[in-house]
Amino acid sequence: MSEFKDYPADQIAAKLKQVEEFENKYKPNATTKGWRKWCTDPAYRKREWQSRQALANYAKHSAHKAFSTNDKSVL
């Protein structure tokens, strides 16, 4: 896994502005609340990145094992 590199502050600010405009036009929902949390909490961004890295690592090394068995009960 590589080292976490945060997005540039201007990109984060632009996304937060986009979220605020959407919420003003419509109303807050689960998606916009998640984006707002992502924009305002650096620790949240890092955890989200770590989660994506873990999923990619699993897919790269272990996901194929789910298809190499004769047990097709989950499919």
C-alpha atoms as a PDB file:
ATOM      1  CA  MET A   1       0.000   0.000   0.000  1.00  0.00           C
ATOM      2  CA  SER A   2       1.332   3.402  -0.907  1.00  0.00           C
ATOM      3  CA  GLU A   3       1.353   6.424   1.356  1.00  0.00           C
ATOM      4  CA  PHE A   4      -1.778   8.547   1.768  1.00  0.00           C
ATOM      5  CA  LYS A   5      -1.620  11.845  -0.109  1.00  0.00           C
ATOM      6  CA  ASP A   6      -4.492  14.207   0.542  1.00  0.00           C
ATOM      7  CA  TYR A   7      -6.230  16.134  -2.204  1.00  0.00           C
ATOM      8  CA  PRO A   8      -5.234  19.774  -2.760  1.00  0.00           C
ATOM      9  CA  ALA A   9      -7.136  22.210  -0.542  1.00  0.00           C
ATOM     10  CA  ASP A  10      -8.619  24.061  -3.520  1.00  0.00           C
ATOM     11  CA  GLN A  11     -10.203  20.862  -4.873  1.00  0.00           C
ATOM     12  CA  ILE A  12     -11.655  20.022  -1.463  1.00  0.00           C
ATOM     13  CA  ALA A  13     -13.023  23.571  -1.106  1.00  0.00           C
ATOM     14  CA  ALA A  14     -14.570  23.384  -4.587  1.00  0.00           C
ATOM     15  CA  LYS A  15     -16.293  20.097  -3.721  1.00  0.00           C
ATOM     16  CA  LEU A  16     -17.596  21.534  -0.440  1.00  0.00           C
ATOM     17  CA  LYS A  17     -18.978  24.548  -2.327  1.00  0.00           C
ATOM     18  CA  GLN A  18     -20.679  22.172  -4.778  1.00  0.00           C
ATOM     19  CA  VAL A  19     -22.229  20.258  -1.863  1.00  0.00           C
ATOM     20  CA  GLU A  20     -23.458  23.470  -0.226  1.00  0.00           C
ATOM     21  CA  GLU A  21     -25.029  24.683  -3.478  1.00  0.00           C
ATOM     22  CA  PHE A  22     -26.796  21.359  -3.932  1.00  0.00           C
ATOM     23  CA  GLU A  23     -28.088  21.369  -0.349  1.00  0.00           C
ATOM     24  CA  ASN A  24     -29.353  24.946  -0.729  1.00  0.00           C
ATOM     25  CA  LYS A  25     -31.129  24.106  -3.984  1.00  0.00           C
ATOM     26  CA  TYR A  26     -32.614  20.820  -2.778  1.00  0.00           C
ATOM     27  CA  LYS A  27     -32.029  19.567   0.758  1.00  0.00           C
ATOM     28  CA  PRO A  28     -29.364  17.624   2.656  1.00  0.00           C
ATOM     29  CA  ASN A  29     -29.438  13.861   2.180  1.00  0.00           C
ATOM     30  CA  ALA A  30     -27.209  10.936   3.153  1.00  0.00           C
ATOM     31  CA  THR A  31     -24.936  11.439   0.161  1.00  0.00           C
ATOM     32  CA  THR A  32     -24.364  15.144   0.749  1.00  0.00           C
ATOM     33  CA  LYS A  33     -23.802  14.530   4.456  1.00  0.00           C
ATOM     34  CA  GLY A  34     -21.123  12.004   3.523  1.00  0.00           C
ATOM     35  CA  TRP A  35     -19.487  14.413   1.095  1.00  0.00           C
ATOM     36  CA  ARG A  36     -19.586  17.200   3.690  1.00  0.00           C
ATOM     37  CA  LYS A  37     -17.888  14.893   6.204  1.00  0.00           C
ATOM     38  CA  TRP A  38     -15.286  13.936   3.576  1.00  0.00           C
ATOM     39  CA  CYS A  39     -14.590  17.615   2.794  1.00  0.00           C
ATOM     40  CA  THR A  40     -14.277  18.753   6.402  1.00  0.00           C
ATOM     41  CA  ASP A  41     -12.498  15.846   8.145  1.00  0.00           C
ATOM     42  CA  PRO A  42      -8.945  14.907   7.075  1.00  0.00           C
ATOM     43  CA  ALA A  43      -9.001  11.767   9.229  1.00  0.00           C
ATOM     44  CA  TYR A  44     -12.202  10.652   7.480  1.00  0.00           C
ATOM     45  CA  ARG A  45     -10.555  11.148   4.070  1.00  0.00           C
ATOM     46  CA  LYS A  46      -7.589   9.065   5.190  1.00  0.00           C
ATOM     47  CA  ARG A  47      -9.826   6.240   6.483  1.00  0.00           C
ATOM     48  CA  GLU A  48     -11.836   6.306   3.253  1.00  0.00           C
ATOM     49  CA  TRP A  49      -8.609   6.054   1.254  1.00  0.00           C
ATOM     50  CA  GLN A  50      -7.407   3.156   3.421  1.00  0.00           C
ATOM     51  CA  SER A  51     -10.709   1.375   2.853  1.00  0.00           C
ATOM     52  CA  ARG A  52     -10.405   1.757  -0.919  1.00  0.00           C
ATOM     53  CA  GLN A  53      -6.805   0.492  -0.789  1.00  0.00           C
ATOM     54  CA  ALA A  54      -7.855  -2.556   1.243  1.00  0.00           C
ATOM     55  CA  LEU A  55     -10.625  -3.370  -1.222  1.00  0.00           C
ATOM     56  CA  ALA A  56      -8.262  -3.012  -4.178  1.00  0.00           C
ATOM     57  CA  ASN A  57      -5.685  -5.208  -2.444  1.00  0.00           C
ATOM     58  CA  TYR A  58      -8.315  -7.878  -1.772  1.00  0.00           C
ATOM     59  CA  ALA A  59      -9.526  -7.764  -5.366  1.00  0.00           C
ATOM     60  CA  LYS A  60      -5.983  -8.045  -6.648  1.00  0.00           C
ATOM     61  CA  HIS A  61      -4.941 -10.992  -4.485  1.00  0.00           C
ATOM     62  CA  SER A  62      -7.970 -12.906  -3.230  1.00  0.00           C
ATOM     63  CA  ALA A  63     -11.182 -12.112  -5.100  1.00  0.00           C
ATOM     64  CA  HIS A  64     -10.539 -14.790  -7.720  1.00  0.00           C
ATOM     65  CA  LYS A  65     -10.657 -17.460  -4.985  1.00  0.00           C
ATOM     66  CA  ALA A  66     -14.397 -16.927  -4.628  1.00  0.00           C
ATOM     67  CA  PHE A  67     -14.841 -18.255  -8.163  1.00  0.00           C
ATOM     68  CA  SER A  68     -12.484 -21.240  -7.934  1.00  0.00           C
ATOM     69  CA  THR A  69     -14.715 -23.391  -5.746  1.00  0.00           C
ATOM     70  CA  ASN A  70     -17.485 -25.819  -6.654  1.00  0.00           C
ATOM     71  CA  ASP A  71     -19.800 -24.273  -4.045  1.00  0.00           C
ATOM     72  CA  LYS A  72     -22.031 -21.953  -6.048  1.00  0.00           C
ATOM     73  CA  SER A  73     -24.511 -21.289  -3.214  1.00  0.00           C
ATOM     74  CA  VAL A  74     -23.529 -17.629  -2.998  1.00  0.00           C
ATOM     75  CA  LEU A  75     -23.951 -16.963  -6.689  1.00  0.00           C
END
